[in-house]
PDB file of all heavy atoms in Angstrom:
ATOM      1  N   ALA A   1     -57.269 -26.041 -10.709  1.00  0.00           N
ATOM      2  CA  ALA A   1     -56.962 -25.604 -12.076  1.00  0.00           C
ATOM      3  C   ALA A   1     -57.010 -24.093 -12.207  1.00  0.00           C
ATOM      4  O   ALA A   1     -56.321 -23.512 -13.023  1.00  0.00           O
ATOM      5  CB  ALA A   1     -57.955 -26.244 -13.055  1.00  0.00           C
ATOM      6  N   VAL A   2     -57.827 -23.404 -11.350  1.00  0.00           N
ATOM      7  CA  VAL A   2     -57.950 -21.961 -11.462  1.00  0.00           C
ATOM      8  C   VAL A   2     -56.645 -21.264 -11.140  1.00  0.00           C
ATOM      9  O   VAL A   2     -56.359 -20.171 -11.629  1.00  0.00           O
ATOM     10  CB  VAL A   2     -59.073 -21.466 -10.540  1.00  0.00           C
ATOM     11  CG1 VAL A   2     -58.703 -21.644  -9.079  1.00  0.00           C
ATOM     12  CG2 VAL A   2     -59.396 -20.008 -10.826  1.00  0.00           C
ATOM     13  N   LEU A   3     -55.810 -21.886 -10.311  1.00  0.00           N
ATOM     14  CA  LEU A   3     -54.541 -21.265  -9.963  1.00  0.00           C
ATOM     15  C   LEU A   3     -53.485 -21.459 -11.031  1.00  0.00           C
ATOM     16  O   LEU A   3     -52.474 -20.791 -11.017  1.00  0.00           O
ATOM     17  CB  LEU A   3     -54.029 -21.830  -8.622  1.00  0.00           C
ATOM     18  CG  LEU A   3     -54.907 -21.551  -7.406  1.00  0.00           C
ATOM     19  CD1 LEU A   3     -54.288 -22.168  -6.170  1.00  0.00           C
ATOM     20  CD2 LEU A   3     -55.089 -20.071  -7.219  1.00  0.00           C
ATOM     21  N   ARG A   4     -53.685 -22.426 -11.926  1.00  0.00           N
ATOM     22  CA  ARG A   4     -52.684 -22.680 -12.956  1.00  0.00           C
ATOM     23  C   ARG A   4     -52.956 -21.890 -14.234  1.00  0.00           C
ATOM     24  O   ARG A   4     -52.172 -21.943 -15.157  1.00  0.00           O
ATOM     25  CB  ARG A   4     -52.654 -24.178 -13.292  1.00  0.00           C
ATOM     26  CG  ARG A   4     -52.242 -25.060 -12.131  1.00  0.00           C
ATOM     27  CD  ARG A   4     -51.806 -26.420 -12.632  1.00  0.00           C
ATOM     28  NE  ARG A   4     -52.822 -27.057 -13.457  1.00  0.00           N
ATOM     29  CZ  ARG A   4     -53.761 -27.872 -12.993  1.00  0.00           C
ATOM     30  NH1 ARG A   4     -53.826 -28.130 -11.704  1.00  0.00           N
ATOM     31  NH2 ARG A   4     -54.633 -28.415 -13.807  1.00  0.00           N
ATOM     32  N   ALA A   5     -54.087 -21.183 -14.291  1.00  0.00           N
ATOM     33  CA  ALA A   5     -54.414 -20.433 -15.504  1.00  0.00           C
ATOM     34  C   ALA A   5     -53.469 -19.238 -15.663  1.00  0.00           C
ATOM     35  O   ALA A   5     -52.954 -18.710 -14.675  1.00  0.00           O
ATOM     36  CB  ALA A   5     -55.859 -19.954 -15.453  1.00  0.00           C
ATOM     37  N   PRO A   6     -53.222 -18.794 -16.860  1.00  0.00           N
ATOM     38  CA  PRO A   6     -52.316 -17.650 -17.083  1.00  0.00           C
ATOM     39  C   PRO A   6     -53.003 -16.321 -16.840  1.00  0.00           C
ATOM     40  O   PRO A   6     -53.237 -15.538 -17.753  1.00  0.00           O
ATOM     41  CB  PRO A   6     -51.925 -17.821 -18.548  1.00  0.00           C
ATOM     42  CG  PRO A   6     -53.117 -18.470 -19.169  1.00  0.00           C
ATOM     43  CD  PRO A   6     -53.674 -19.403 -18.120  1.00  0.00           C
ATOM     44  N   PHE A   7     -53.361 -16.074 -15.580  1.00  0.00           N
ATOM     45  CA  PHE A   7     -54.018 -14.825 -15.251  1.00  0.00           C
ATOM     46  C   PHE A   7     -53.023 -13.665 -15.288  1.00  0.00           C
ATOM     47  O   PHE A   7     -51.833 -13.849 -15.024  1.00  0.00           O
ATOM     48  CB  PHE A   7     -54.664 -14.885 -13.863  1.00  0.00           C
ATOM     49  CG  PHE A   7     -55.817 -15.836 -13.781  1.00  0.00           C
ATOM     50  CD1 PHE A   7     -55.765 -16.928 -12.939  1.00  0.00           C
ATOM     51  CD2 PHE A   7     -56.943 -15.641 -14.553  1.00  0.00           C
ATOM     52  CE1 PHE A   7     -56.828 -17.804 -12.864  1.00  0.00           C
ATOM     53  CE2 PHE A   7     -58.010 -16.510 -14.482  1.00  0.00           C
ATOM     54  CZ  PHE A   7     -57.958 -17.603 -13.644  1.00  0.00           C
ATOM     55  N   ILE A   8     -53.543 -12.466 -15.600  1.00  0.00           N
ATOM     56  CA  ILE A   8     -52.752 -11.241 -15.544  1.00  0.00           C
ATOM     57  C   ILE A   8     -53.017 -10.576 -14.197  1.00  0.00           C
ATOM     58  O   ILE A   8     -54.156 -10.262 -13.876  1.00  0.00           O
ATOM     59  CB  ILE A   8     -53.116 -10.288 -16.697  1.00  0.00           C
ATOM     60  CG1 ILE A   8     -52.815 -10.949 -18.040  1.00  0.00           C
ATOM     61  CG2 ILE A   8     -52.348  -8.975 -16.578  1.00  0.00           C
ATOM     62  CD1 ILE A   8     -53.231 -10.115 -19.233  1.00  0.00           C
ATOM     63  N   HIS A   9     -51.983 -10.415 -13.423  1.00  0.00           N
ATOM     64  CA  HIS A   9     -52.123  -9.831 -12.106  1.00  0.00           C
ATOM     65  C   HIS A   9     -51.799  -8.341 -12.170  1.00  0.00           C
ATOM     66  O   HIS A   9     -50.797  -7.932 -12.766  1.00  0.00           O
ATOM     67  CB  HIS A   9     -51.189 -10.513 -11.102  1.00  0.00           C
ATOM     68  CG  HIS A   9     -51.491 -11.968 -10.908  1.00  0.00           C
ATOM     69  ND1 HIS A   9     -52.485 -12.416 -10.073  1.00  0.00           N
ATOM     70  CD2 HIS A   9     -50.945 -13.074 -11.465  1.00  0.00           C
ATOM     71  CE1 HIS A   9     -52.533 -13.739 -10.101  1.00  0.00           C
ATOM     72  NE2 HIS A   9     -51.605 -14.163 -10.951  1.00  0.00           N
ATOM     73  N   ALA A  10     -52.667  -7.531 -11.570  1.00  0.00           N
ATOM     74  CA  ALA A  10     -52.429  -6.090 -11.527  1.00  0.00           C
ATOM     75  C   ALA A  10     -51.214  -5.798 -10.648  1.00  0.00           C
ATOM     76  O   ALA A  10     -51.084  -6.366  -9.554  1.00  0.00           O
ATOM     77  CB  ALA A  10     -53.646  -5.366 -10.983  1.00  0.00           C
ATOM     78  N   PRO A  11     -50.303  -4.955 -11.103  1.00  0.00           N
ATOM     79  CA  PRO A  11     -49.105  -4.675 -10.296  1.00  0.00           C
ATOM     80  C   PRO A  11     -49.407  -3.888  -9.026  1.00  0.00           C
ATOM     81  O   PRO A  11     -48.637  -3.926  -8.085  1.00  0.00           O
ATOM     82  CB  PRO A  11     -48.222  -3.869 -11.252  1.00  0.00           C
ATOM     83  CG  PRO A  11     -49.191  -3.234 -12.208  1.00  0.00           C
ATOM     84  CD  PRO A  11     -50.307  -4.219 -12.373  1.00  0.00           C
ATOM     85  N   GLU A  12     -50.545  -3.171  -8.996  1.00  0.00           N
ATOM     86  CA  GLU A  12     -50.887  -2.346  -7.843  1.00  0.00           C
ATOM     87  C   GLU A  12     -52.363  -2.502  -7.530  1.00  0.00           C
ATOM     88  O   GLU A  12     -53.194  -2.669  -8.431  1.00  0.00           O
ATOM     89  CB  GLU A  12     -50.568  -0.862  -8.103  1.00  0.00           C
ATOM     90  CG  GLU A  12     -49.093  -0.589  -8.334  1.00  0.00           C
ATOM     91  CD  GLU A  12     -48.833   0.857  -8.691  1.00  0.00           C
ATOM     92  OE1 GLU A  12     -49.795   1.524  -9.102  1.00  0.00           O
ATOM     93  OE2 GLU A  12     -47.697   1.304  -8.573  1.00  0.00           O
ATOM     94  N   GLY A  13     -52.698  -2.432  -6.255  1.00  0.00           N
ATOM     95  CA  GLY A  13     -54.081  -2.521  -5.836  1.00  0.00           C
ATOM     96  C   GLY A  13     -54.783  -1.179  -5.902  1.00  0.00           C
ATOM     97  O   GLY A  13     -54.172  -0.126  -6.114  1.00  0.00           O
ATOM     98  N   VAL A  14     -56.093  -1.218  -5.711  1.00  0.00           N
ATOM     99  CA  VAL A  14     -56.898   0.001  -5.771  1.00  0.00           C
ATOM    100  C   VAL A  14     -56.471   0.970  -4.678  1.00  0.00           C
ATOM    101  O   VAL A  14     -56.381   2.186  -4.899  1.00  0.00           O
ATOM    102  CB  VAL A  14     -58.393  -0.350  -5.645  1.00  0.00           C
ATOM    103  CG1 VAL A  14     -59.236   0.907  -5.589  1.00  0.00           C
ATOM    104  CG2 VAL A  14     -58.835  -1.222  -6.806  1.00  0.00           C
ATOM    105  N   ARG A  15     -56.209   0.439  -3.497  1.00  0.00           N
ATOM    106  CA  ARG A  15     -55.824   1.310  -2.387  1.00  0.00           C
ATOM    107  C   ARG A  15     -54.510   2.026  -2.683  1.00  0.00           C
ATOM    108  O   ARG A  15     -54.354   3.207  -2.364  1.00  0.00           O
ATOM    109  CB  ARG A  15     -55.695   0.494  -1.104  1.00  0.00           C
ATOM    110  CG  ARG A  15     -55.419   1.335   0.138  1.00  0.00           C
ATOM    111  CD  ARG A  15     -55.512   0.474   1.389  1.00  0.00           C
ATOM    112  NE  ARG A  15     -55.307   1.260   2.598  1.00  0.00           N
ATOM    113  CZ  ARG A  15     -54.125   1.484   3.149  1.00  0.00           C
ATOM    114  NH1 ARG A  15     -53.034   0.965   2.599  1.00  0.00           N
ATOM    115  NH2 ARG A  15     -54.017   2.225   4.236  1.00  0.00           N
ATOM    116  N   THR A  16     -53.577   1.337  -3.340  1.00  0.00           N
ATOM    117  CA  THR A  16     -52.315   1.974  -3.706  1.00  0.00           C
ATOM    118  C   THR A  16     -52.537   3.105  -4.701  1.00  0.00           C
ATOM    119  O   THR A  16     -51.924   4.174  -4.594  1.00  0.00           O
ATOM    120  CB  THR A  16     -51.356   0.938  -4.307  1.00  0.00           C
ATOM    121  OG1 THR A  16     -51.143  -0.114  -3.356  1.00  0.00           O
ATOM    122  CG2 THR A  16     -50.012   1.569  -4.658  1.00  0.00           C
ATOM    123  N   VAL A  17     -53.439   2.886  -5.657  1.00  0.00           N
ATOM    124  CA  VAL A  17     -53.743   3.937  -6.635  1.00  0.00           C
ATOM    125  C   VAL A  17     -54.310   5.162  -5.938  1.00  0.00           C
ATOM    126  O   VAL A  17     -53.912   6.303  -6.216  1.00  0.00           O
ATOM    127  CB  VAL A  17     -54.727   3.407  -7.694  1.00  0.00           C
ATOM    128  CG1 VAL A  17     -55.172   4.524  -8.622  1.00  0.00           C
ATOM    129  CG2 VAL A  17     -54.095   2.281  -8.494  1.00  0.00           C
ATOM    130  N   PHE A  18     -55.217   4.942  -4.996  1.00  0.00           N
ATOM    131  CA  PHE A  18     -55.808   6.073  -4.280  1.00  0.00           C
ATOM    132  C   PHE A  18     -54.759   6.818  -3.464  1.00  0.00           C
ATOM    133  O   PHE A  18     -54.731   8.057  -3.442  1.00  0.00           O
ATOM    134  CB  PHE A  18     -56.920   5.580  -3.366  1.00  0.00           C
ATOM    135  CG  PHE A  18     -58.140   5.093  -4.097  1.00  0.00           C
ATOM    136  CD1 PHE A  18     -59.011   4.197  -3.502  1.00  0.00           C
ATOM    137  CD2 PHE A  18     -58.416   5.515  -5.387  1.00  0.00           C
ATOM    138  CE1 PHE A  18     -60.135   3.741  -4.172  1.00  0.00           C
ATOM    139  CE2 PHE A  18     -59.532   5.065  -6.071  1.00  0.00           C
ATOM    140  CZ  PHE A  18     -60.402   4.173  -5.457  1.00  0.00           C
ATOM    141  N   LEU A  19     -53.885   6.079  -2.792  1.00  0.00           N
ATOM    142  CA  LEU A  19     -52.896   6.726  -1.924  1.00  0.00           C
ATOM    143  C   LEU A  19     -51.856   7.491  -2.741  1.00  0.00           C
ATOM    144  O   LEU A  19     -51.430   8.581  -2.344  1.00  0.00           O
ATOM    145  CB  LEU A  19     -52.229   5.687  -1.032  1.00  0.00           C
ATOM    146  CG  LEU A  19     -53.135   5.045   0.024  1.00  0.00           C
ATOM    147  CD1 LEU A  19     -52.365   3.993   0.821  1.00  0.00           C
ATOM    148  CD2 LEU A  19     -53.715   6.096   0.961  1.00  0.00           C
ATOM    149  N   VAL A  20     -51.437   6.944  -3.867  1.00  0.00           N
ATOM    150  CA  VAL A  20     -50.461   7.649  -4.705  1.00  0.00           C
ATOM    151  C   VAL A  20     -51.101   8.900  -5.306  1.00  0.00           C
ATOM    152  O   VAL A  20     -50.481   9.975  -5.351  1.00  0.00           O
ATOM    153  CB  VAL A  20     -49.930   6.718  -5.803  1.00  0.00           C
ATOM    154  CG1 VAL A  20     -49.058   7.490  -6.791  1.00  0.00           C
ATOM    155  CG2 VAL A  20     -49.122   5.575  -5.190  1.00  0.00           C
ATOM    156  N   THR A  21     -52.344   8.786  -5.759  1.00  0.00           N
ATOM    157  CA  THR A  21     -53.046   9.966  -6.261  1.00  0.00           C
ATOM    158  C   THR A  21     -53.235  10.999  -5.158  1.00  0.00           C
ATOM    159  O   THR A  21     -53.141  12.210  -5.397  1.00  0.00           O
ATOM    160  CB  THR A  21     -54.403   9.559  -6.850  1.00  0.00           C
ATOM    161  OG1 THR A  21     -54.223   8.524  -7.810  1.00  0.00           O
ATOM    162  CG2 THR A  21     -55.078  10.745  -7.520  1.00  0.00           C
ATOM    163  N   LEU A  22     -53.501  10.521  -3.955  1.00  0.00           N
ATOM    164  CA  LEU A  22     -53.618  11.430  -2.812  1.00  0.00           C
ATOM    165  C   LEU A  22     -52.318  12.174  -2.563  1.00  0.00           C
ATOM    166  O   LEU A  22     -52.314  13.390  -2.324  1.00  0.00           O
ATOM    167  CB  LEU A  22     -54.026  10.628  -1.572  1.00  0.00           C
ATOM    168  CG  LEU A  22     -54.050  11.385  -0.237  1.00  0.00           C
ATOM    169  CD1 LEU A  22     -55.096  12.486  -0.265  1.00  0.00           C
ATOM    170  CD2 LEU A  22     -54.336  10.412   0.906  1.00  0.00           C
ATOM    171  N   ALA A  23     -51.190  11.460  -2.633  1.00  0.00           N
ATOM    172  CA  ALA A  23     -49.897  12.116  -2.430  1.00  0.00           C
ATOM    173  C   ALA A  23     -49.628  13.157  -3.510  1.00  0.00           C
ATOM    174  O   ALA A  23     -49.124  14.256  -3.222  1.00  0.00           O
ATOM    175  CB  ALA A  23     -48.788  11.064  -2.412  1.00  0.00           C
ATOM    176  N   ALA A  24     -49.983  12.842  -4.762  1.00  0.00           N
ATOM    177  CA  ALA A  24     -49.793  13.820  -5.836  1.00  0.00           C
ATOM    178  C   ALA A  24     -50.709  15.025  -5.650  1.00  0.00           C
ATOM    179  O   ALA A  24     -50.315  16.165  -5.932  1.00  0.00           O
ATOM    180  CB  ALA A  24     -50.041  13.155  -7.190  1.00  0.00           C
ATOM    181  N   SER A  25     -51.924  14.790  -5.162  1.00  0.00           N
ATOM    182  CA  SER A  25     -52.859  15.897  -4.947  1.00  0.00           C
ATOM    183  C   SER A  25     -52.407  16.819  -3.829  1.00  0.00           C
ATOM    184  O   SER A  25     -52.799  17.991  -3.793  1.00  0.00           O
ATOM    185  CB  SER A  25     -54.249  15.341  -4.619  1.00  0.00           C
ATOM    186  OG  SER A  25     -54.708  14.484  -5.642  1.00  0.00           O
ATOM    187  N   CYS A  26     -51.594  16.293  -2.922  1.00  0.00           N
ATOM    188  CA  CYS A  26     -51.103  17.134  -1.823  1.00  0.00           C
ATOM    189  C   CYS A  26     -50.080  18.171  -2.298  1.00  0.00           C
ATOM    190  O   CYS A  26     -49.846  19.153  -1.588  1.00  0.00           O
ATOM    191  CB  CYS A  26     -50.490  16.261  -0.729  1.00  0.00           C
ATOM    192  SG  CYS A  26     -51.713  15.347   0.242  1.00  0.00           S
ATOM    193  N   MET A  27     -49.495  17.985  -3.476  1.00  0.00           N
ATOM    194  CA  MET A  27     -48.538  18.969  -3.975  1.00  0.00           C
ATOM    195  C   MET A  27     -49.197  20.311  -4.271  1.00  0.00           C
ATOM    196  O   MET A  27     -48.728  21.350  -3.799  1.00  0.00           O
ATOM    197  CB  MET A  27     -47.821  18.406  -5.205  1.00  0.00           C
ATOM    198  CG  MET A  27     -46.960  17.185  -4.913  1.00  0.00           C
ATOM    199  SD  MET A  27     -46.225  16.463  -6.406  1.00  0.00           S
ATOM    200  CE  MET A  27     -45.187  17.819  -6.948  1.00  0.00           C
ATOM    201  N   PRO A  28     -50.310  20.370  -5.037  1.00  0.00           N
ATOM    202  CA  PRO A  28     -51.004  21.668  -5.169  1.00  0.00           C
ATOM    203  C   PRO A  28     -51.541  22.185  -3.851  1.00  0.00           C
ATOM    204  O   PRO A  28     -51.626  23.411  -3.658  1.00  0.00           O
ATOM    205  CB  PRO A  28     -52.134  21.358  -6.163  1.00  0.00           C
ATOM    206  CG  PRO A  28     -51.724  20.133  -6.872  1.00  0.00           C
ATOM    207  CD  PRO A  28     -50.911  19.338  -5.904  1.00  0.00           C
ATOM    208  N   LEU A  29     -51.888  21.282  -2.938  1.00  0.00           N
ATOM    209  CA  LEU A  29     -52.375  21.722  -1.629  1.00  0.00           C
ATOM    210  C   LEU A  29     -51.279  22.446  -0.854  1.00  0.00           C
ATOM    211  O   LEU A  29     -51.525  23.492  -0.226  1.00  0.00           O
ATOM    212  CB  LEU A  29     -52.884  20.519  -0.839  1.00  0.00           C
ATOM    213  CG  LEU A  29     -53.389  20.804   0.575  1.00  0.00           C
ATOM    214  CD1 LEU A  29     -54.559  21.766   0.554  1.00  0.00           C
ATOM    215  CD2 LEU A  29     -53.769  19.500   1.272  1.00  0.00           C
ATOM    216  N   VAL A  30     -50.070  21.919  -0.889  1.00  0.00           N
ATOM    217  CA  VAL A  30     -48.950  22.575  -0.209  1.00  0.00           C
ATOM    218  C   VAL A  30     -48.680  23.945  -0.832  1.00  0.00           C
ATOM    219  O   VAL A  30     -48.420  24.928  -0.118  1.00  0.00           O
ATOM    220  CB  VAL A  30     -47.702  21.681  -0.267  1.00  0.00           C
ATOM    221  CG1 VAL A  30     -46.475  22.420   0.251  1.00  0.00           C
ATOM    222  CG2 VAL A  30     -47.923  20.403   0.550  1.00  0.00           C
ATOM    223  N   ALA A  31     -48.742  24.015  -2.156  1.00  0.00           N
ATOM    224  CA  ALA A  31     -48.555  25.321  -2.813  1.00  0.00           C
ATOM    225  C   ALA A  31     -49.637  26.306  -2.383  1.00  0.00           C
ATOM    226  O   ALA A  31     -49.362  27.497  -2.182  1.00  0.00           O
ATOM    227  CB  ALA A  31     -48.573  25.140  -4.333  1.00  0.00           C
ATOM    228  N   GLY A  32     -50.857  25.810  -2.212  1.00  0.00           N
ATOM    229  CA  GLY A  32     -51.921  26.692  -1.752  1.00  0.00           C
ATOM    230  C   GLY A  32     -51.699  27.184  -0.337  1.00  0.00           C
ATOM    231  O   GLY A  32     -51.994  28.343  -0.022  1.00  0.00           O
ATOM    232  N   VAL A  33     -51.172  26.316   0.534  1.00  0.00           N
ATOM    233  CA  VAL A  33     -50.872  26.739   1.902  1.00  0.00           C
ATOM    234  C   VAL A  33     -49.780  27.806   1.906  1.00  0.00           C
ATOM    235  O   VAL A  33     -49.796  28.732   2.732  1.00  0.00           O
ATOM    236  CB  VAL A  33     -50.462  25.520   2.750  1.00  0.00           C
ATOM    237  CG1 VAL A  33     -49.977  25.949   4.126  1.00  0.00           C
ATOM    238  CG2 VAL A  33     -51.631  24.552   2.888  1.00  0.00           C
ATOM    239  N   VAL A  34     -48.840  27.718   0.981  1.00  0.00           N
ATOM    240  CA  VAL A  34     -47.776  28.723   0.903  1.00  0.00           C
ATOM    241  C   VAL A  34     -48.355  30.103   0.596  1.00  0.00           C
ATOM    242  O   VAL A  34     -47.995  31.105   1.230  1.00  0.00           O
ATOM    243  CB  VAL A  34     -46.741  28.319  -0.160  1.00  0.00           C
ATOM    244  CG1 VAL A  34     -45.761  29.465  -0.431  1.00  0.00           C
ATOM    245  CG2 VAL A  34     -45.983  27.072   0.278  1.00  0.00           C
ATOM    246  N   PHE A  35     -49.283  30.184  -0.353  1.00  0.00           N
ATOM    247  CA  PHE A  35     -49.797  31.481  -0.794  1.00  0.00           C
ATOM    248  C   PHE A  35     -51.019  31.951  -0.009  1.00  0.00           C
ATOM    249  O   PHE A  35     -51.338  33.145  -0.054  1.00  0.00           O
ATOM    250  CB  PHE A  35     -50.142  31.429  -2.286  1.00  0.00           C
ATOM    251  CG  PHE A  35     -48.944  31.340  -3.183  1.00  0.00           C
ATOM    252  CD1 PHE A  35     -48.590  30.146  -3.783  1.00  0.00           C
ATOM    253  CD2 PHE A  35     -48.150  32.452  -3.408  1.00  0.00           C
ATOM    254  CE1 PHE A  35     -47.482  30.055  -4.603  1.00  0.00           C
ATOM    255  CE2 PHE A  35     -47.036  32.379  -4.225  1.00  0.00           C
ATOM    256  CZ  PHE A  35     -46.698  31.178  -4.826  1.00  0.00           C
ATOM    257  N   PHE A  36     -51.687  31.024   0.693  1.00  0.00           N
ATOM    258  CA  PHE A  36     -52.906  31.410   1.402  1.00  0.00           C
ATOM    259  C   PHE A  36     -52.843  31.136   2.901  1.00  0.00           C
ATOM    260  O   PHE A  36     -53.803  31.454   3.620  1.00  0.00           O
ATOM    261  CB  PHE A  36     -54.116  30.698   0.797  1.00  0.00           C
ATOM    262  CG  PHE A  36     -54.296  30.962  -0.669  1.00  0.00           C
ATOM    263  CD1 PHE A  36     -54.213  29.934  -1.587  1.00  0.00           C
ATOM    264  CD2 PHE A  36     -54.530  32.244  -1.134  1.00  0.00           C
ATOM    265  CE1 PHE A  36     -54.372  30.180  -2.943  1.00  0.00           C
ATOM    266  CE2 PHE A  36     -54.687  32.504  -2.480  1.00  0.00           C
ATOM    267  CZ  PHE A  36     -54.605  31.463  -3.390  1.00  0.00           C
ATOM    268  N   GLY A  37     -51.761  30.548   3.380  1.00  0.00           N
ATOM    269  CA  GLY A  37     -51.526  30.477   4.808  1.00  0.00           C
ATOM    270  C   GLY A  37     -52.267  29.361   5.526  1.00  0.00           C
ATOM    271  O   GLY A  37     -52.816  28.437   4.935  1.00  0.00           O
ATOM    272  N   TRP A  38     -52.306  29.501   6.840  1.00  0.00           N
ATOM    273  CA  TRP A  38     -52.835  28.442   7.689  1.00  0.00           C
ATOM    274  C   TRP A  38     -54.336  28.271   7.539  1.00  0.00           C
ATOM    275  O   TRP A  38     -54.859  27.185   7.819  1.00  0.00           O
ATOM    276  CB  TRP A  38     -52.489  28.722   9.149  1.00  0.00           C
ATOM    277  CG  TRP A  38     -53.070  30.000   9.703  1.00  0.00           C
ATOM    278  CD1 TRP A  38     -52.489  31.233   9.705  1.00  0.00           C
ATOM    279  CD2 TRP A  38     -54.349  30.152  10.335  1.00  0.00           C
ATOM    280  NE1 TRP A  38     -53.319  32.156  10.291  1.00  0.00           N
ATOM    281  CE2 TRP A  38     -54.466  31.525  10.697  1.00  0.00           C
ATOM    282  CE3 TRP A  38     -55.381  29.287  10.637  1.00  0.00           C
ATOM    283  CZ2 TRP A  38     -55.592  32.026  11.329  1.00  0.00           C
ATOM    284  CZ3 TRP A  38     -56.516  29.785  11.273  1.00  0.00           C
ATOM    285  CH2 TRP A  38     -56.601  31.141  11.626  1.00  0.00           C
ATOM    286  N   ARG A  39     -55.031  29.282   7.088  1.00  0.00           N
ATOM    287  CA  ARG A  39     -56.471  29.116   6.884  1.00  0.00           C
ATOM    288  C   ARG A  39     -56.757  28.142   5.743  1.00  0.00           C
ATOM    289  O   ARG A  39     -57.760  27.410   5.778  1.00  0.00           O
ATOM    290  CB  ARG A  39     -57.133  30.464   6.610  1.00  0.00           C
ATOM    291  CG  ARG A  39     -57.180  31.376   7.823  1.00  0.00           C
ATOM    292  CD  ARG A  39     -58.070  32.578   7.601  1.00  0.00           C
ATOM    293  NE  ARG A  39     -58.052  33.463   8.760  1.00  0.00           N
ATOM    294  CZ  ARG A  39     -58.846  33.332   9.813  1.00  0.00           C
ATOM    295  NH1 ARG A  39     -59.725  32.336   9.848  1.00  0.00           N
ATOM    296  NH2 ARG A  39     -58.767  34.180  10.829  1.00  0.00           N
ATOM    297  N   ALA A  40     -55.905  28.110   4.749  1.00  0.00           N
ATOM    298  CA  ALA A  40     -56.061  27.120   3.683  1.00  0.00           C
ATOM    299  C   ALA A  40     -55.849  25.716   4.223  1.00  0.00           C
ATOM    300  O   ALA A  40     -56.578  24.782   3.860  1.00  0.00           O
ATOM    301  CB  ALA A  40     -55.082  27.418   2.548  1.00  0.00           C
ATOM    302  N   ALA A  41     -54.849  25.539   5.096  1.00  0.00           N
ATOM    303  CA  ALA A  41     -54.624  24.234   5.713  1.00  0.00           C
ATOM    304  C   ALA A  41     -55.803  23.815   6.576  1.00  0.00           C
ATOM    305  O   ALA A  41     -56.211  22.648   6.575  1.00  0.00           O
ATOM    306  CB  ALA A  41     -53.336  24.262   6.534  1.00  0.00           C
ATOM    307  N   ALA A  42     -56.374  24.756   7.321  1.00  0.00           N
ATOM    308  CA  ALA A  42     -57.531  24.435   8.158  1.00  0.00           C
ATOM    309  C   ALA A  42     -58.724  24.030   7.308  1.00  0.00           C
ATOM    310  O   ALA A  42     -59.457  23.087   7.648  1.00  0.00           O
ATOM    311  CB  ALA A  42     -57.882  25.638   9.035  1.00  0.00           C
ATOM    312  N   THR A  43     -58.946  24.714   6.188  1.00  0.00           N
ATOM    313  CA  THR A  43     -60.037  24.339   5.287  1.00  0.00           C
ATOM    314  C   THR A  43     -59.836  22.939   4.737  1.00  0.00           C
ATOM    315  O   THR A  43     -60.787  22.144   4.643  1.00  0.00           O
ATOM    316  CB  THR A  43     -60.144  25.355   4.138  1.00  0.00           C
ATOM    317  OG1 THR A  43     -60.396  26.654   4.668  1.00  0.00           O
ATOM    318  CG2 THR A  43     -61.246  24.975   3.171  1.00  0.00           C
TER     319      THR A  43
END
């Protein structure tokens, strides 16, 4: 009966949320590497 209930399923998992947020966070990181060079990438 638990499978027949009208559950709401999340369209995305927690790991997907983290990875998409990680990809978005890499955009300011790339901009920082442009203005601060390879030492910013190493950090």
